[in-house]
Amino acid sequence: MRIAGLILLLVAHASGCGTPTYEPSINRVVNGEDTRPYSWPWQISLQYRSGSTYYHTCGGTLLAPNWVLTAGHCIGSRTYQVVLGEYDLTRTEGPEQIRKVERIVVHPQWDANCLSCGNDIAMIKLASPAVLNDKVAPSCVPARGEITPHNEPCFVTGWGRLYSGGPIASKLQQALLPVVGHSVCSRSDWWGNTVKTSMVCAGGDIRSACHGDSGGPLNCKGDDGRWYVQGVTSFVSSRGCNTIKKPTVFTRTSSFTDWIAETMLRY
């Protein structure tokens, strides 16, 4: 398994992962803002079919031309498609690539009745590979066990609700979410024992992910200048998306690097 993870990292770096053609506009605003178009080229929209129409339900991250990372709780019995190169959900702008789904692999220990138990992660194999270009490109995957430091400036991206109970965003949003170390996030007045070491917290003030952002990436820039998907958006407080001391909780990608690699190799 460790060898598989190392192979994944080497292949990803060789493909130029985590290096967008259009650099993100990083203003470190206090709340969300429209992204610079196509500056997060690994962000995908996971959509489900209702009647003859597909609707956005979750985000996800392109890891390889035919593999996408998302959250386990995003997956159900519906028919899905993946849209790459998306920016404005209400318009067809040209760069979009729509792919059918060949296979979905949800982590075997994911329990839909216990979100706080962890393992909220899934892999989607596309029926045909994405065409990589300046608007569609993979993110990097962190090394096994890597821990993002407390207060590291990372960014959540997605088309989730602009605020609790609010409308879904039409244009891709980004928000600065500093990482909250496990020793802080697990305090009784924060998330307590709800958060596990296989999770990573980020935010905790007026900035957070919200419903519809699920499955999307927590983007953190590495020392090598590349962007890594350090987390998969999992859950927020039941009291609302922007609750003080209740940061957004992500599945920690580095806890599942070997499982991701093994899944890609097996299927």
C-alpha atoms as a PDB file:
ATOM      1  CA  MET A   1       0.000   0.000   0.000  1.00  0.00           C
ATOM      2  CA  ARG A   2       2.776   2.462   0.849  1.00  0.00           C
ATOM      3  CA  ILE A   3       4.484   1.663  -2.453  1.00  0.00           C
ATOM      4  CA  ALA A   4       1.193   2.356  -4.270  1.00  0.00           C
ATOM      5  CA  GLY A   5       0.950   5.710  -2.508  1.00  0.00           C
ATOM      6  CA  LEU A   6       4.476   6.653  -3.524  1.00  0.00           C
ATOM      7  CA  ILE A   7       3.749   5.703  -7.128  1.00  0.00           C
ATOM      8  CA  LEU A   8       0.659   7.930  -7.061  1.00  0.00           C
ATOM      9  CA  LEU A   9       2.681  10.881  -5.775  1.00  0.00           C
ATOM     10  CA  LEU A  10       5.408  10.409  -8.380  1.00  0.00           C
ATOM     11  CA  VAL A  11       2.954  10.087 -11.263  1.00  0.00           C
ATOM     12  CA  ALA A  12       0.957  13.116 -10.087  1.00  0.00           C
ATOM     13  CA  HIS A  13       4.041  15.321  -9.868  1.00  0.00           C
ATOM     14  CA  ALA A  14       5.238  14.142 -13.264  1.00  0.00           C
ATOM     15  CA  SER A  15       1.892  15.222 -14.740  1.00  0.00           C
ATOM     16  CA  GLY A  16       2.295  18.755 -13.367  1.00  0.00           C
ATOM     17  CA  CYS A  17      -0.359  18.507 -10.669  1.00  0.00           C
ATOM     18  CA  GLY A  18      -1.300  21.503  -8.561  1.00  0.00           C
ATOM     19  CA  THR A  19       0.033  24.121 -10.973  1.00  0.00           C
ATOM     20  CA  PRO A  20      -2.861  26.147 -12.421  1.00  0.00           C
ATOM     21  CA  THR A  21      -2.302  28.141 -15.595  1.00  0.00           C
ATOM     22  CA  TYR A  22      -4.443  30.934 -14.132  1.00  0.00           C
ATOM     23  CA  GLU A  23      -3.142  31.683 -10.638  1.00  0.00           C
ATOM     24  CA  PRO A  24      -5.860  32.064  -8.003  1.00  0.00           C
ATOM     25  CA  SER A  25      -6.641  35.584  -6.851  1.00  0.00           C
ATOM     26  CA  ILE A  26      -5.747  35.279  -3.180  1.00  0.00           C
ATOM     27  CA  ASN A  27      -7.043  38.381  -1.428  1.00  0.00           C
ATOM     28  CA  ARG A  28      -7.630  36.697   1.938  1.00  0.00           C
ATOM     29  CA  VAL A  29     -11.046  38.292   2.205  1.00  0.00           C
ATOM     30  CA  VAL A  30     -13.042  37.769   5.391  1.00  0.00           C
ATOM     31  CA  ASN A  31     -15.733  35.835   3.574  1.00  0.00           C
ATOM     32  CA  GLY A  32     -16.256  34.079   0.260  1.00  0.00           C
ATOM     33  CA  GLU A  33     -15.694  35.657  -3.129  1.00  0.00           C
ATOM     34  CA  ASP A  34     -15.970  34.708  -6.787  1.00  0.00           C
ATOM     35  CA  THR A  35     -12.870  32.847  -7.897  1.00  0.00           C
ATOM     36  CA  ARG A  36     -10.736  33.923 -10.800  1.00  0.00           C
ATOM     37  CA  PRO A  37     -12.199  31.762 -13.611  1.00  0.00           C
ATOM     38  CA  TYR A  38     -10.416  28.407 -14.003  1.00  0.00           C
ATOM     39  CA  SER A  39      -7.858  29.175 -11.293  1.00  0.00           C
ATOM     40  CA  TRP A  40      -8.815  25.955  -9.480  1.00  0.00           C
ATOM     41  CA  PRO A  41      -8.754  23.672 -12.543  1.00  0.00           C
ATOM     42  CA  TRP A  42      -9.181  20.456 -10.512  1.00  0.00           C
ATOM     43  CA  GLN A  43     -12.529  21.549  -9.043  1.00  0.00           C
ATOM     44  CA  ILE A  44     -15.432  19.550 -10.467  1.00  0.00           C
ATOM     45  CA  SER A  45     -19.201  19.701 -10.116  1.00  0.00           C
ATOM     46  CA  LEU A  46     -20.833  16.382  -9.217  1.00  0.00           C
ATOM     47  CA  GLN A  47     -24.358  16.408 -10.594  1.00  0.00           C
ATOM     48  CA  TYR A  48     -27.342  14.065 -10.237  1.00  0.00           C
ATOM     49  CA  ARG A  49     -30.091  13.399 -12.757  1.00  0.00           C
ATOM     50  CA  SER A  50     -33.695  14.305 -12.042  1.00  0.00           C
ATOM     51  CA  GLY A  51     -35.944  13.707 -15.000  1.00  0.00           C
ATOM     52  CA  SER A  52     -33.965  14.812 -18.037  1.00  0.00           C
ATOM     53  CA  THR A  53     -31.910  17.432 -16.176  1.00  0.00           C
ATOM     54  CA  TYR A  54     -28.759  17.249 -14.074  1.00  0.00           C
ATOM     55  CA  TYR A  55     -28.353  19.342 -10.912  1.00  0.00           C
ATOM     56  CA  HIS A  56     -25.270  20.232  -8.856  1.00  0.00           C
ATOM     57  CA  THR A  57     -25.094  18.356  -5.564  1.00  0.00           C
ATOM     58  CA  CYS A  58     -21.429  18.242  -4.464  1.00  0.00           C
ATOM     59  CA  GLY A  59     -17.924  19.231  -5.370  1.00  0.00           C
ATOM     60  CA  GLY A  60     -14.920  17.051  -6.016  1.00  0.00           C
ATOM     61  CA  THR A  61     -11.275  17.116  -7.031  1.00  0.00           C
ATOM     62  CA  LEU A  62      -9.674  15.788 -10.188  1.00  0.00           C
ATOM     63  CA  LEU A  63      -6.660  13.650  -9.233  1.00  0.00           C
ATOM     64  CA  ALA A  64      -5.944  11.999 -12.591  1.00  0.00           C
ATOM     65  CA  PRO A  65      -7.544  12.173 -16.056  1.00  0.00           C
ATOM     66  CA  ASN A  66     -10.100   9.489 -15.136  1.00  0.00           C
ATOM     67  CA  TRP A  67     -10.340   9.779 -11.328  1.00  0.00           C
ATOM     68  CA  VAL A  68     -12.139  12.242  -9.049  1.00  0.00           C
ATOM     69  CA  LEU A  69     -12.041  12.468  -5.245  1.00  0.00           C
ATOM     70  CA  THR A  70     -15.212  13.375  -3.332  1.00  0.00           C
ATOM     71  CA  ALA A  71     -17.029  12.670  -0.060  1.00  0.00           C
ATOM     72  CA  GLY A  72     -18.764   9.414   0.794  1.00  0.00           C
ATOM     73  CA  HIS A  73     -21.901  11.227   1.939  1.00  0.00           C
ATOM     74  CA  CYS A  74     -22.275  12.745  -1.538  1.00  0.00           C
ATOM     75  CA  ILE A  75     -22.977   9.324  -3.022  1.00  0.00           C
ATOM     76  CA  GLY A  76     -26.382   7.657  -3.172  1.00  0.00           C
ATOM     77  CA  SER A  77     -28.451   5.594  -5.578  1.00  0.00           C
ATOM     78  CA  ARG A  78     -28.836   8.394  -8.116  1.00  0.00           C
ATOM     79  CA  THR A  79     -27.402   8.645 -11.616  1.00  0.00           C
ATOM     80  CA  TYR A  80     -24.445  11.021 -11.671  1.00  0.00           C
ATOM     81  CA  GLN A  81     -22.298  12.944 -14.094  1.00  0.00           C
ATOM     82  CA  VAL A  82     -19.120  14.928 -13.529  1.00  0.00           C
ATOM     83  CA  VAL A  83     -18.553  18.353 -15.083  1.00  0.00           C
ATOM     84  CA  LEU A  84     -14.960  19.567 -15.396  1.00  0.00           C
ATOM     85  CA  GLY A  85     -13.866  23.028 -16.524  1.00  0.00           C
ATOM     86  CA  GLU A  86     -16.976  24.511 -14.910  1.00  0.00           C
ATOM     87  CA  TYR A  87     -17.206  28.079 -13.601  1.00  0.00           C
ATOM     88  CA  ASP A  88     -20.758  29.471 -13.828  1.00  0.00           C
ATOM     89  CA  LEU A  89     -23.360  26.752 -13.274  1.00  0.00           C
ATOM     90  CA  THR A  90     -26.057  28.840 -14.964  1.00  0.00           C
ATOM     91  CA  ARG A  91     -24.206  29.221 -18.270  1.00  0.00           C
ATOM     92  CA  THR A  92     -22.478  27.116 -20.887  1.00  0.00           C
ATOM     93  CA  GLU A  93     -19.178  28.897 -21.395  1.00  0.00           C
ATOM     94  CA  GLY A  94     -17.239  26.504 -23.617  1.00  0.00           C
ATOM     95  CA  PRO A  95     -14.510  24.834 -21.516  1.00  0.00           C
ATOM     96  CA  GLU A  96     -16.889  22.429 -19.765  1.00  0.00           C
ATOM     97  CA  GLN A  97     -16.224  18.720 -20.141  1.00  0.00           C
ATOM     98  CA  ILE A  98     -19.108  16.436 -19.178  1.00  0.00           C
ATOM     99  CA  ARG A  99     -18.248  12.854 -18.249  1.00  0.00           C
ATOM    100  CA  LYS A 100     -20.420   9.903 -17.378  1.00  0.00           C
ATOM    101  CA  VAL A 101     -19.434   7.806 -14.393  1.00  0.00           C
ATOM    102  CA  GLU A 102     -18.016   4.320 -14.862  1.00  0.00           C
ATOM    103  CA  ARG A 103     -17.563   3.367 -11.230  1.00  0.00           C
ATOM    104  CA  ILE A 104     -17.931   4.825  -7.739  1.00  0.00           C
ATOM    105  CA  VAL A 105     -15.873   3.423  -4.871  1.00  0.00           C
ATOM    106  CA  VAL A 106     -16.957   4.575  -1.410  1.00  0.00           C
ATOM    107  CA  HIS A 107     -14.586   3.860   1.452  1.00  0.00           C
ATOM    108  CA  PRO A 108     -15.599   0.484   2.935  1.00  0.00           C
ATOM    109  CA  GLN A 109     -15.723   1.917   6.470  1.00  0.00           C
ATOM    110  CA  TRP A 110     -17.916   4.877   5.628  1.00  0.00           C
ATOM    111  CA  ASP A 111     -21.133   4.791   7.667  1.00  0.00           C
ATOM    112  CA  ALA A 112     -23.888   7.092   6.452  1.00  0.00           C
ATOM    113  CA  ASN A 113     -25.473   6.919   9.919  1.00  0.00           C
ATOM    114  CA  CYS A 114     -22.320   8.166  11.644  1.00  0.00           C
ATOM    115  CA  LEU A 115     -20.821  11.167   9.904  1.00  0.00           C
ATOM    116  CA  SER A 116     -18.485  11.891  12.808  1.00  0.00           C
ATOM    117  CA  CYS A 117     -17.051   8.357  12.657  1.00  0.00           C
ATOM    118  CA  GLY A 118     -14.932   9.459   9.700  1.00  0.00           C
ATOM    119  CA  ASN A 119     -13.986   7.740   6.444  1.00  0.00           C
ATOM    120  CA  ASP A 120     -16.169  10.220   4.542  1.00  0.00           C
ATOM    121  CA  ILE A 121     -14.388   9.736   1.252  1.00  0.00           C
ATOM    122  CA  ALA A 122     -15.111   8.242  -2.167  1.00  0.00           C
ATOM    123  CA  MET A 123     -13.481   7.884  -5.564  1.00  0.00           C
ATOM    124  CA  ILE A 124     -15.249   8.307  -8.906  1.00  0.00           C
ATOM    125  CA  LYS A 125     -13.879   6.721 -12.063  1.00  0.00           C
ATOM    126  CA  LEU A 126     -14.893   8.595 -15.199  1.00  0.00           C
ATOM    127  CA  ALA A 127     -16.223   6.628 -18.174  1.00  0.00           C
ATOM    128  CA  SER A 128     -13.774   8.503 -20.399  1.00  0.00           C
ATOM    129  CA  PRO A 129     -10.718  10.476 -19.291  1.00  0.00           C
ATOM    130  CA  ALA A 130     -10.726  14.242 -18.992  1.00  0.00           C
ATOM    131  CA  VAL A 131      -8.773  16.194 -21.556  1.00  0.00           C
ATOM    132  CA  LEU A 132      -6.151  18.082 -19.587  1.00  0.00           C
ATOM    133  CA  ASN A 133      -5.606  21.678 -20.664  1.00  0.00           C
ATOM    134  CA  ASP A 134      -5.261  25.169 -19.191  1.00  0.00           C
ATOM    135  CA  LYS A 135      -8.718  24.923 -17.574  1.00  0.00           C
ATOM    136  CA  VAL A 136      -8.783  21.268 -16.506  1.00  0.00           C
ATOM    137  CA  ALA A 137      -5.845  19.886 -14.531  1.00  0.00           C
ATOM    138  CA  PRO A 138      -5.284  17.627 -11.488  1.00  0.00           C
ATOM    139  CA  SER A 139      -4.530  18.652  -7.926  1.00  0.00           C
ATOM    140  CA  CYS A 140      -1.619  17.117  -6.035  1.00  0.00           C
ATOM    141  CA  VAL A 141      -2.194  14.497  -3.330  1.00  0.00           C
ATOM    142  CA  PRO A 142      -0.322  14.939  -0.032  1.00  0.00           C
ATOM    143  CA  ALA A 143       2.120  12.366   1.259  1.00  0.00           C
ATOM    144  CA  ARG A 144       0.868   9.679   3.613  1.00  0.00           C
ATOM    145  CA  GLY A 145       0.354  11.034   7.121  1.00  0.00           C
ATOM    146  CA  GLU A 146       1.206  14.640   6.268  1.00  0.00           C
ATOM    147  CA  ILE A 147      -0.188  17.132   8.791  1.00  0.00           C
ATOM    148  CA  THR A 148      -1.026  20.664   7.711  1.00  0.00           C
ATOM    149  CA  PRO A 149       0.207  23.123  10.378  1.00  0.00           C
ATOM    150  CA  HIS A 150      -2.125  25.118  12.618  1.00  0.00           C
ATOM    151  CA  ASN A 151      -3.161  28.422  11.039  1.00  0.00           C
ATOM    152  CA  GLU A 152      -1.898  27.387   7.581  1.00  0.00           C
ATOM    153  CA  PRO A 153      -3.754  29.580   5.048  1.00  0.00           C
ATOM    154  CA  CYS A 154      -5.818  27.167   2.938  1.00  0.00           C
ATOM    155  CA  PHE A 155      -8.798  27.795   0.680  1.00  0.00           C
ATOM    156  CA  VAL A 156     -12.117  26.017   0.335  1.00  0.00           C
ATOM    157  CA  THR A 157     -13.759  26.161  -3.086  1.00  0.00           C
ATOM    158  CA  GLY A 158     -17.230  25.227  -4.292  1.00  0.00           C
ATOM    159  CA  TRP A 159     -20.698  26.215  -5.407  1.00  0.00           C
ATOM    160  CA  GLY A 160     -22.304  25.706  -1.999  1.00  0.00           C
ATOM    161  CA  ARG A 161     -24.839  27.985  -0.366  1.00  0.00           C
ATOM    162  CA  LEU A 162     -23.605  31.537   0.134  1.00  0.00           C
ATOM    163  CA  TYR A 163     -24.868  31.375   3.742  1.00  0.00           C
ATOM    164  CA  SER A 164     -27.016  29.032   5.854  1.00  0.00           C
ATOM    165  CA  GLY A 165     -30.371  28.649   4.121  1.00  0.00           C
ATOM    166  CA  GLY A 166     -29.204  30.909   1.302  1.00  0.00           C
ATOM    167  CA  PRO A 167     -28.988  30.298  -2.442  1.00  0.00           C
ATOM    168  CA  ILE A 168     -26.504  28.035  -4.161  1.00  0.00           C
ATOM    169  CA  ALA A 169     -23.700  30.043  -5.774  1.00  0.00           C
ATOM    170  CA  SER A 170     -23.774  30.268  -9.540  1.00  0.00           C
ATOM    171  CA  LYS A 171     -20.068  31.116  -9.915  1.00  0.00           C
ATOM    172  CA  LEU A 172     -17.341  29.097  -8.236  1.00  0.00           C
ATOM    173  CA  GLN A 173     -16.538  30.571  -4.806  1.00  0.00           C
ATOM    174  CA  GLN A 174     -13.397  30.535  -2.676  1.00  0.00           C
ATOM    175  CA  ALA A 175     -12.833  31.438   0.954  1.00  0.00           C
ATOM    176  CA  LEU A 176      -9.726  31.578   3.091  1.00  0.00           C
ATOM    177  CA  LEU A 177      -9.941  28.968   5.856  1.00  0.00           C
ATOM    178  CA  PRO A 178      -6.896  28.836   8.130  1.00  0.00           C
ATOM    179  CA  VAL A 179      -6.271  25.329   9.437  1.00  0.00           C
ATOM    180  CA  VAL A 180      -7.215  24.699  13.063  1.00  0.00           C
ATOM    181  CA  GLY A 181      -4.840  22.157  14.581  1.00  0.00           C
ATOM    182  CA  HIS A 182      -6.351  18.997  16.076  1.00  0.00           C
ATOM    183  CA  SER A 183      -5.222  19.969  19.577  1.00  0.00           C
ATOM    184  CA  VAL A 184      -7.377  23.103  19.307  1.00  0.00           C
ATOM    185  CA  CYS A 185     -10.267  21.720  17.281  1.00  0.00           C
ATOM    186  CA  SER A 186     -10.742  18.809  19.704  1.00  0.00           C
ATOM    187  CA  ARG A 187     -11.163  21.107  22.732  1.00  0.00           C
ATOM    188  CA  SER A 188     -14.490  20.801  24.499  1.00  0.00           C
ATOM    189  CA  ASP A 189     -15.625  24.299  23.476  1.00  0.00           C
ATOM    190  CA  TRP A 190     -14.729  23.586  19.840  1.00  0.00           C
ATOM    191  CA  TRP A 191     -15.654  20.236  18.276  1.00  0.00           C
ATOM    192  CA  GLY A 192     -14.533  18.041  21.188  1.00  0.00           C
ATOM    193  CA  ASN A 193     -14.224  14.326  20.451  1.00  0.00           C
ATOM    194  CA  THR A 194     -16.400  14.686  17.354  1.00  0.00           C
ATOM    195  CA  VAL A 195     -13.251  15.331  15.320  1.00  0.00           C
ATOM    196  CA  LYS A 196     -10.850  12.457  14.762  1.00  0.00           C
ATOM    197  CA  THR A 197      -7.191  12.562  13.780  1.00  0.00           C
ATOM    198  CA  SER A 198      -8.277  11.394  10.308  1.00  0.00           C
ATOM    199  CA  MET A 199     -10.012  14.754   9.901  1.00  0.00           C
ATOM    200  CA  VAL A 200      -8.752  18.311   9.526  1.00  0.00           C
ATOM    201  CA  CYS A 201     -10.535  21.444  10.728  1.00  0.00           C
ATOM    202  CA  ALA A 202     -10.324  24.822   9.009  1.00  0.00           C
ATOM    203  CA  GLY A 203     -12.029  28.133   9.659  1.00  0.00           C
ATOM    204  CA  GLY A 204     -14.004  28.561  12.845  1.00  0.00           C
ATOM    205  CA  ASP A 205     -15.116  32.160  12.492  1.00  0.00           C
ATOM    206  CA  ILE A 206     -17.354  33.856   9.912  1.00  0.00           C
ATOM    207  CA  ARG A 207     -15.812  31.864   7.052  1.00  0.00           C
ATOM    208  CA  SER A 208     -16.792  28.292   6.302  1.00  0.00           C
ATOM    209  CA  ALA A 209     -17.931  25.854   3.698  1.00  0.00           C
ATOM    210  CA  CYS A 210     -21.693  25.387   3.366  1.00  0.00           C
ATOM    211  CA  HIS A 211     -24.195  22.924   1.953  1.00  0.00           C
ATOM    212  CA  GLY A 212     -23.307  22.138  -1.656  1.00  0.00           C
ATOM    213  CA  ASP A 213     -19.562  22.484  -1.011  1.00  0.00           C
ATOM    214  CA  SER A 214     -19.418  18.909   0.284  1.00  0.00           C
ATOM    215  CA  GLY A 215     -16.860  16.692  -1.404  1.00  0.00           C
ATOM    216  CA  GLY A 216     -14.830  19.629  -2.660  1.00  0.00           C
ATOM    217  CA  PRO A 217     -11.210  20.360  -1.798  1.00  0.00           C
ATOM    218  CA  LEU A 218      -9.405  22.148   0.979  1.00  0.00           C
ATOM    219  CA  ASN A 219      -6.636  23.650  -1.150  1.00  0.00           C
ATOM    220  CA  CYS A 220      -3.291  24.248   0.554  1.00  0.00           C
ATOM    221  CA  LYS A 221      -0.098  25.402  -1.125  1.00  0.00           C
ATOM    222  CA  GLY A 222       2.958  23.266  -0.461  1.00  0.00           C
ATOM    223  CA  ASP A 223       6.536  24.377   0.056  1.00  0.00           C
ATOM    224  CA  ASP A 224       7.158  23.318  -3.546  1.00  0.00           C
ATOM    225  CA  GLY A 225       4.659  25.913  -4.813  1.00  0.00           C
ATOM    226  CA  ARG A 226       2.098  23.302  -5.856  1.00  0.00           C
ATOM    227  CA  TRP A 227      -1.484  23.109  -4.578  1.00  0.00           C
ATOM    228  CA  TYR A 228      -2.512  20.025  -2.615  1.00  0.00           C
ATOM    229  CA  VAL A 229      -5.965  18.718  -1.752  1.00  0.00           C
ATOM    230  CA  GLN A 230      -5.372  18.420   1.980  1.00  0.00           C
ATOM    231  CA  GLY A 231      -9.017  17.829   2.795  1.00  0.00           C
ATOM    232  CA  VAL A 232     -12.390  16.707   1.444  1.00  0.00           C
ATOM    233  CA  THR A 233     -15.282  18.846   2.686  1.00  0.00           C
ATOM    234  CA  SER A 234     -17.289  16.715   5.112  1.00  0.00           C
ATOM    235  CA  PHE A 235     -19.500  18.612   7.568  1.00  0.00           C
ATOM    236  CA  VAL A 236     -20.312  21.882   9.328  1.00  0.00           C
ATOM    237  CA  SER A 237     -22.195  22.671  12.523  1.00  0.00           C
ATOM    238  CA  SER A 238     -25.905  21.875  12.679  1.00  0.00           C
ATOM    239  CA  ARG A 239     -26.304  25.412  14.050  1.00  0.00           C
ATOM    240  CA  GLY A 240     -25.211  26.913  10.739  1.00  0.00           C
ATOM    241  CA  CYS A 241     -22.344  27.200   8.300  1.00  0.00           C
ATOM    242  CA  ASN A 242     -20.660  30.183   9.982  1.00  0.00           C
ATOM    243  CA  THR A 243     -20.630  29.166  13.625  1.00  0.00           C
ATOM    244  CA  ILE A 244     -17.840  30.456  15.879  1.00  0.00           C
ATOM    245  CA  LYS A 245     -15.518  27.692  17.155  1.00  0.00           C
ATOM    246  CA  LYS A 246     -17.190  25.188  14.855  1.00  0.00           C
ATOM    247  CA  PRO A 247     -14.830  25.167  11.860  1.00  0.00           C
ATOM    248  CA  THR A 248     -15.576  23.215   8.729  1.00  0.00           C
ATOM    249  CA  VAL A 249     -14.474  19.607   9.128  1.00  0.00           C
ATOM    250  CA  PHE A 250     -12.732  17.874   6.244  1.00  0.00           C
ATOM    251  CA  THR A 251     -11.645  14.296   5.690  1.00  0.00           C
ATOM    252  CA  ARG A 252      -7.853  14.458   5.961  1.00  0.00           C
ATOM    253  CA  THR A 253      -6.623  13.311   2.561  1.00  0.00           C
ATOM    254  CA  SER A 254      -3.218  12.234   3.865  1.00  0.00           C
ATOM    255  CA  SER A 255      -4.941   9.654   6.092  1.00  0.00           C
ATOM    256  CA  PHE A 256      -6.238   7.943   2.950  1.00  0.00           C
ATOM    257  CA  THR A 257      -3.393   8.381   0.446  1.00  0.00           C
ATOM    258  CA  ASP A 258      -2.726   4.642   0.333  1.00  0.00           C
ATOM    259  CA  TRP A 259      -6.437   3.806  -0.087  1.00  0.00           C
ATOM    260  CA  ILE A 260      -6.730   6.345  -2.910  1.00  0.00           C
ATOM    261  CA  ALA A 261      -3.719   4.878  -4.697  1.00  0.00           C
ATOM    262  CA  GLU A 262      -4.874   1.295  -4.189  1.00  0.00           C
ATOM    263  CA  THR A 263      -8.335   2.134  -5.539  1.00  0.00           C
ATOM    264  CA  MET A 264      -6.870   3.752  -8.663  1.00  0.00           C
ATOM    265  CA  LEU A 265      -4.605   0.772  -9.274  1.00  0.00           C
ATOM    266  CA  ARG A 266      -7.303  -1.847  -8.642  1.00  0.00           C
ATOM    267  CA  TYR A 267      -9.926  -0.379 -10.937  1.00  0.00           C
END
